[in-house]
Amino acid sequence: MLKRLFYEEDGQGMVEYGLIIALIAVAVIVALGALGGGIKGIFEDVNAKLGEETTP
């Protein structure tokens, strides 16, 4: 029974997909962290320009 447990590959595909998804999640988190300040600055600039145009 122990020998069969080592040679079964039924769950191996799911583990691989889980690792790929985890790697993608880490990459997205790192990218958003790196770009977060720049994106925030863009939105602040747009907000400031919209505020200037609506002020009489």
Protein backbone atom coordinates (compact mmCIF):
# COMPACT_ATOMS: atom_id res chain seq x y z
CA MET A 1 0.00 0.00 0.00
CA LEU A 2 2.84 2.42 0.81
CA LYS A 3 4.50 1.65 -2.52
CA ARG A 4 1.27 2.41 -4.37
CA LEU A 5 0.98 5.73 -2.52
CA PHE A 6 4.35 6.89 -3.88
CA TYR A 7 3.55 5.95 -7.48
CA GLU A 8 0.03 7.41 -7.75
CA GLU A 9 -0.06 10.62 -9.76
CA ASP A 10 -3.71 11.60 -9.34
CA GLY A 11 -3.10 14.62 -7.11
CA GLN A 12 0.12 15.70 -8.76
CA GLY A 13 -1.62 17.80 -11.43
CA MET A 14 -3.66 19.69 -8.86
CA VAL A 15 -0.55 20.47 -6.82
CA GLU A 16 1.19 21.82 -9.91
CA TYR A 17 -1.80 24.04 -10.76
CA GLY A 18 -1.87 25.27 -7.17
CA LEU A 19 1.82 26.20 -7.31
CA ILE A 20 1.35 28.03 -10.62
CA ILE A 21 -1.60 30.01 -9.22
CA ALA A 22 0.40 30.87 -6.10
CA LEU A 23 3.32 32.09 -8.24
CA ILE A 24 1.01 34.26 -10.34
CA ALA A 25 -0.57 35.72 -7.19
CA VAL A 26 2.84 36.63 -5.79
CA ALA A 27 3.83 38.25 -9.09
CA VAL A 28 0.62 40.33 -9.15
CA ILE A 29 1.11 41.44 -5.55
CA VAL A 30 4.71 42.49 -6.25
CA ALA A 31 3.71 44.34 -9.43
CA LEU A 32 0.90 46.22 -7.69
CA GLY A 33 3.19 47.11 -4.83
CA ALA A 34 5.82 48.46 -7.21
CA LEU A 35 3.33 50.42 -9.32
CA GLY A 36 1.07 51.52 -6.48
CA GLY A 37 2.73 54.89 -5.90
CA GLY A 38 2.77 55.76 -9.58
CA ILE A 39 -0.87 54.86 -10.07
CA LYS A 40 -1.85 56.82 -6.98
CA GLY A 41 0.00 59.87 -8.34
CA ILE A 42 -1.82 59.65 -11.66
CA PHE A 43 -5.21 59.53 -9.99
CA GLU A 44 -4.30 62.45 -7.72
CA ASP A 45 -3.25 64.52 -10.74
CA VAL A 46 -6.50 63.75 -12.55
CA ASN A 47 -8.50 64.56 -9.44
CA ALA A 48 -6.67 67.88 -9.01
CA LYS A 49 -7.27 68.84 -12.66
CA LEU A 50 -10.95 67.97 -12.39
CA GLY A 51 -11.21 70.02 -9.23
CA GLU A 52 -9.61 73.02 -10.95
CA GLU A 53 -12.07 72.95 -13.84
CA THR A 54 -15.14 72.76 -11.62
CA THR A 55 -13.99 75.61 -9.37
CA PRO A 56 -15.44 78.92 -10.63
